[in-house]
Amino acid sequence: MITDIYLTIINEPLYISGVVLIFILTVFSLIKKLVKFTIVLIVPCVLFVGYIYNTGQDSLGSAEKNFKNVSKKTEEAVEAGKKKLKELEKKLD
């Protein structure tokens, strides 16, 4: 069944041109969608970088500062947790 369809398409030049046309249109539509997707991703990034540049904010410095603050708070929370666990162990003994 499928073999018959394949042989018919291969042997008829009109069918081959139709299949090639459908293939080209499919590839073209995929490329068109990828270009739109890329534009949708790039435009906000460029706008954000332009905003940061124009306002003079130091986004990397802020990120490092925030990271250090989070690291410090995490270390404090871990130490407090360790102290509580030791207290609970002592109570259980």
N, C-alpha and C. Protein backbone atom coordinates (compact mmCIF):
# COMPACT_ATOMS: atom_id res chain seq x y z
N MET A 1 0.82 -1.19 0.00
CA MET A 1 0.00 0.00 0.00
C MET A 1 0.87 1.26 0.00
N ILE A 2 1.71 1.40 1.05
CA ILE A 2 2.59 2.56 1.11
C ILE A 2 3.61 2.50 -0.01
N THR A 3 4.05 1.32 -0.33
CA THR A 3 5.02 1.15 -1.41
C THR A 3 4.42 1.62 -2.74
N ASP A 4 3.15 1.33 -2.95
CA ASP A 4 2.49 1.76 -4.19
C ASP A 4 2.42 3.29 -4.27
N ILE A 5 2.09 3.93 -3.15
CA ILE A 5 2.04 5.40 -3.13
C ILE A 5 3.42 5.97 -3.40
N TYR A 6 4.44 5.40 -2.75
CA TYR A 6 5.81 5.86 -2.95
C TYR A 6 6.22 5.72 -4.41
N LEU A 7 5.95 4.57 -5.01
CA LEU A 7 6.33 4.36 -6.41
C LEU A 7 5.57 5.31 -7.34
N THR A 8 4.32 5.58 -7.03
CA THR A 8 3.55 6.51 -7.86
C THR A 8 4.15 7.91 -7.80
N ILE A 9 4.52 8.35 -6.60
CA ILE A 9 5.10 9.69 -6.44
C ILE A 9 6.44 9.76 -7.15
N ILE A 10 7.27 8.75 -7.01
CA ILE A 10 8.60 8.75 -7.61
C ILE A 10 8.51 8.73 -9.14
N ASN A 11 7.55 8.02 -9.70
CA ASN A 11 7.48 7.86 -11.15
C ASN A 11 6.78 9.01 -11.87
N GLU A 12 6.03 9.84 -11.16
CA GLU A 12 5.31 10.94 -11.80
C GLU A 12 5.98 12.28 -11.48
N PRO A 13 6.48 12.99 -12.49
CA PRO A 13 7.15 14.27 -12.25
C PRO A 13 6.24 15.32 -11.60
N LEU A 14 4.96 15.31 -11.92
CA LEU A 14 4.03 16.26 -11.33
C LEU A 14 3.90 16.03 -9.83
N TYR A 15 3.84 14.79 -9.41
CA TYR A 15 3.74 14.47 -7.98
C TYR A 15 5.03 14.82 -7.25
N ILE A 16 6.16 14.58 -7.91
CA ILE A 16 7.45 14.92 -7.30
C ILE A 16 7.53 16.42 -7.05
N SER A 17 7.11 17.22 -8.05
CA SER A 17 7.15 18.68 -7.87
C SER A 17 6.21 19.12 -6.75
N GLY A 18 5.07 18.47 -6.61
CA GLY A 18 4.15 18.78 -5.53
C GLY A 18 4.74 18.47 -4.16
N VAL A 19 5.38 17.33 -4.04
CA VAL A 19 6.01 16.95 -2.77
C VAL A 19 7.16 17.90 -2.44
N VAL A 20 7.95 18.27 -3.43
CA VAL A 20 9.06 19.21 -3.22
C VAL A 20 8.51 20.56 -2.79
N LEU A 21 7.44 21.02 -3.40
CA LEU A 21 6.82 22.29 -3.04
C LEU A 21 6.32 22.26 -1.59
N ILE A 22 5.65 21.19 -1.22
CA ILE A 22 5.18 21.05 0.17
C ILE A 22 6.36 21.05 1.14
N PHE A 23 7.42 20.35 0.78
CA PHE A 23 8.61 20.31 1.64
C PHE A 23 9.23 21.70 1.80
N ILE A 24 9.35 22.44 0.69
CA ILE A 24 9.93 23.78 0.74
C ILE A 24 9.07 24.71 1.59
N LEU A 25 7.76 24.64 1.44
CA LEU A 25 6.86 25.48 2.24
C LEU A 25 6.96 25.14 3.73
N THR A 26 7.10 23.86 4.04
CA THR A 26 7.23 23.44 5.44
C THR A 26 8.52 23.98 6.04
N VAL A 27 9.62 23.85 5.32
CA VAL A 27 10.91 24.34 5.81
C VAL A 27 10.86 25.87 5.96
N PHE A 28 10.26 26.55 5.00
CA PHE A 28 10.15 28.01 5.06
C PHE A 28 9.34 28.45 6.29
N SER A 29 8.23 27.77 6.57
CA SER A 29 7.40 28.15 7.71
C SER A 29 8.15 27.88 9.03
N LEU A 30 8.92 26.81 9.09
CA LEU A 30 9.70 26.54 10.30
C LEU A 30 10.76 27.61 10.52
N ILE A 31 11.44 28.00 9.47
CA ILE A 31 12.46 29.05 9.58
C ILE A 31 11.82 30.37 9.99
N LYS A 32 10.66 30.67 9.44
CA LYS A 32 9.95 31.90 9.77
C LYS A 32 9.57 31.92 11.25
N LYS A 33 9.10 30.80 11.77
CA LYS A 33 8.74 30.73 13.19
C LYS A 33 9.97 30.84 14.08
N LEU A 34 11.07 30.24 13.66
CA LEU A 34 12.30 30.35 14.45
C LEU A 34 12.82 31.78 14.49
N VAL A 35 12.70 32.49 13.39
CA VAL A 35 13.13 33.89 13.36
C VAL A 35 12.26 34.72 14.30
N LYS A 36 10.96 34.50 14.28
CA LYS A 36 10.07 35.23 15.19
C LYS A 36 10.40 34.90 16.64
N PHE A 37 10.65 33.64 16.93
CA PHE A 37 10.98 33.23 18.29
C PHE A 37 12.28 33.88 18.74
N THR A 38 13.26 33.93 17.86
CA THR A 38 14.55 34.55 18.18
C THR A 38 14.37 36.04 18.45
N ILE A 39 13.57 36.70 17.65
CA ILE A 39 13.33 38.13 17.85
C ILE A 39 12.64 38.36 19.19
N VAL A 40 11.68 37.52 19.51
CA VAL A 40 10.96 37.65 20.78
C VAL A 40 11.91 37.47 21.96
N LEU A 41 12.94 36.65 21.81
CA LEU A 41 13.91 36.46 22.89
C LEU A 41 14.94 37.59 22.95
N ILE A 42 15.39 38.06 21.80
CA ILE A 42 16.48 39.04 21.77
C ILE A 42 16.01 40.44 22.14
N VAL A 43 14.85 40.87 21.67
CA VAL A 43 14.39 42.24 21.90
C VAL A 43 14.28 42.57 23.39
N PRO A 44 13.66 41.74 24.22
CA PRO A 44 13.62 42.09 25.65
C PRO A 44 15.00 42.13 26.29
N CYS A 45 15.89 41.26 25.87
CA CYS A 45 17.25 41.28 26.42
C CYS A 45 17.96 42.58 26.06
N VAL A 46 17.84 43.01 24.83
CA VAL A 46 18.47 44.25 24.40
C VAL A 46 17.85 45.44 25.14
N LEU A 47 16.54 45.44 25.30
CA LEU A 47 15.88 46.52 26.03
C LEU A 47 16.35 46.56 27.49
N PHE A 48 16.50 45.40 28.09
CA PHE A 48 16.96 45.35 29.48
C PHE A 48 18.38 45.88 29.61
N VAL A 49 19.26 45.46 28.71
CA VAL A 49 20.64 45.95 28.75
C VAL A 49 20.68 47.45 28.51
N GLY A 50 19.87 47.95 27.59
CA GLY A 50 19.79 49.39 27.35
C GLY A 50 19.29 50.14 28.58
N TYR A 51 18.31 49.59 29.26
CA TYR A 51 17.78 50.20 30.47
C TYR A 51 18.86 50.26 31.55
N ILE A 52 19.57 49.18 31.75
CA ILE A 52 20.63 49.14 32.76
C ILE A 52 21.72 50.15 32.41
N TYR A 53 22.08 50.22 31.14
CA TYR A 53 23.13 51.14 30.70
C TYR A 53 22.69 52.60 30.91
N ASN A 54 21.45 52.92 30.54
CA ASN A 54 20.98 54.30 30.65
C ASN A 54 20.76 54.74 32.09
N THR A 55 20.36 53.85 32.95
CA THR A 55 20.13 54.23 34.34
C THR A 55 21.41 54.21 35.15
N GLY A 56 22.45 53.61 34.62
CA GLY A 56 23.74 53.57 35.31
C GLY A 56 23.80 52.61 36.47
N GLN A 57 22.89 51.67 36.50
CA GLN A 57 22.89 50.70 37.58
C GLN A 57 24.00 49.68 37.36
N ASP A 58 24.57 49.24 38.47
CA ASP A 58 25.61 48.21 38.41
C ASP A 58 24.97 46.87 38.74
N SER A 59 24.43 46.22 37.71
CA SER A 59 23.67 45.00 37.97
C SER A 59 24.57 43.86 38.45
N LEU A 60 25.79 43.78 37.92
CA LEU A 60 26.67 42.70 38.35
C LEU A 60 27.12 42.91 39.79
N GLY A 61 27.41 44.14 40.15
CA GLY A 61 27.80 44.43 41.52
C GLY A 61 26.66 44.13 42.48
N SER A 62 25.47 44.46 42.08
CA SER A 62 24.30 44.19 42.91
C SER A 62 24.10 42.69 43.06
N ALA A 63 24.31 41.96 41.99
CA ALA A 63 24.12 40.51 42.05
C ALA A 63 25.15 39.89 42.98
N GLU A 64 26.39 40.34 42.89
CA GLU A 64 27.43 39.80 43.79
C GLU A 64 27.12 40.14 45.24
N LYS A 65 26.66 41.35 45.47
CA LYS A 65 26.31 41.77 46.83
C LYS A 65 25.17 40.91 47.37
N ASN A 66 24.14 40.71 46.55
CA ASN A 66 23.02 39.88 46.97
C ASN A 66 23.45 38.44 47.22
N PHE A 67 24.34 37.93 46.37
CA PHE A 67 24.82 36.56 46.54
C PHE A 67 25.56 36.42 47.86
N LYS A 68 26.39 37.40 48.19
CA LYS A 68 27.12 37.35 49.46
C LYS A 68 26.16 37.40 50.64
N ASN A 69 25.13 38.26 50.54
CA ASN A 69 24.14 38.34 51.62
C ASN A 69 23.40 37.02 51.80
N VAL A 70 23.02 36.41 50.70
CA VAL A 70 22.32 35.13 50.77
C VAL A 70 23.23 34.06 51.34
N SER A 71 24.49 34.07 50.93
CA SER A 71 25.45 33.09 51.45
C SER A 71 25.63 33.26 52.96
N LYS A 72 25.72 34.49 53.40
CA LYS A 72 25.90 34.77 54.83
C LYS A 72 24.68 34.30 55.62
N LYS A 73 23.49 34.63 55.12
CA LYS A 73 22.25 34.22 55.80
C LYS A 73 22.12 32.70 55.83
N THR A 74 22.53 32.05 54.76
CA THR A 74 22.45 30.59 54.70
C THR A 74 23.39 29.97 55.72
N GLU A 75 24.60 30.50 55.81
CA GLU A 75 25.55 29.98 56.79
C GLU A 75 25.02 30.17 58.21
N GLU A 76 24.42 31.32 58.48
CA GLU A 76 23.85 31.57 59.80
C GLU A 76 22.72 30.59 60.09
N ALA A 77 21.88 30.33 59.10
CA ALA A 77 20.77 29.40 59.29
C ALA A 77 21.28 27.98 59.54
N VAL A 78 22.32 27.58 58.83
CA VAL A 78 22.89 26.24 59.02
C VAL A 78 23.49 26.12 60.42
N GLU A 79 24.21 27.14 60.86
CA GLU A 79 24.80 27.10 62.20
C GLU A 79 23.71 27.04 63.27
N ALA A 80 22.65 27.82 63.09
CA ALA A 80 21.55 27.79 64.06
C ALA A 80 20.90 26.41 64.08
N GLY A 81 20.75 25.82 62.92
CA GLY A 81 20.18 24.47 62.83
C GLY A 81 21.06 23.44 63.53
N LYS A 82 22.38 23.56 63.35
CA LYS A 82 23.31 22.64 64.02
C LYS A 82 23.20 22.77 65.54
N LYS A 83 23.11 24.01 66.04
CA LYS A 83 22.98 24.24 67.48
C LYS A 83 21.70 23.61 68.02
N LYS A 84 20.61 23.78 67.30
CA LYS A 84 19.33 23.21 67.73
C LYS A 84 19.40 21.69 67.75
N LEU A 85 20.06 21.10 66.74
CA LEU A 85 20.20 19.65 66.71
C LEU A 85 21.02 19.14 67.89
N LYS A 86 22.10 19.84 68.21
CA LYS A 86 22.92 19.45 69.36
C LYS A 86 22.12 19.54 70.65
N GLU A 87 21.30 20.59 70.78
CA GLU A 87 20.46 20.74 71.97
C GLU A 87 19.46 19.60 72.06
N LEU A 88 18.87 19.23 70.93
CA LEU A 88 17.91 18.13 70.93
C LEU A 88 18.57 16.81 71.27
N GLU A 89 19.80 16.60 70.77
CA GLU A 89 20.54 15.37 71.08
C GLU A 89 20.81 15.29 72.57
N LYS A 90 21.19 16.42 73.16
CA LYS A 90 21.47 16.44 74.61
C LYS A 90 20.20 16.14 75.41
N LYS A 91 19.05 16.67 74.97
CA LYS A 91 17.80 16.42 75.66
C LYS A 91 17.39 14.97 75.55
N LEU A 92 17.66 14.35 74.41
CA LEU A 92 17.30 12.97 74.21
C LEU A 92 18.18 12.01 74.98
N ASP A 93 19.41 12.42 75.26
CA ASP A 93 20.33 11.56 76.01
C ASP A 93 20.00 11.64 77.44
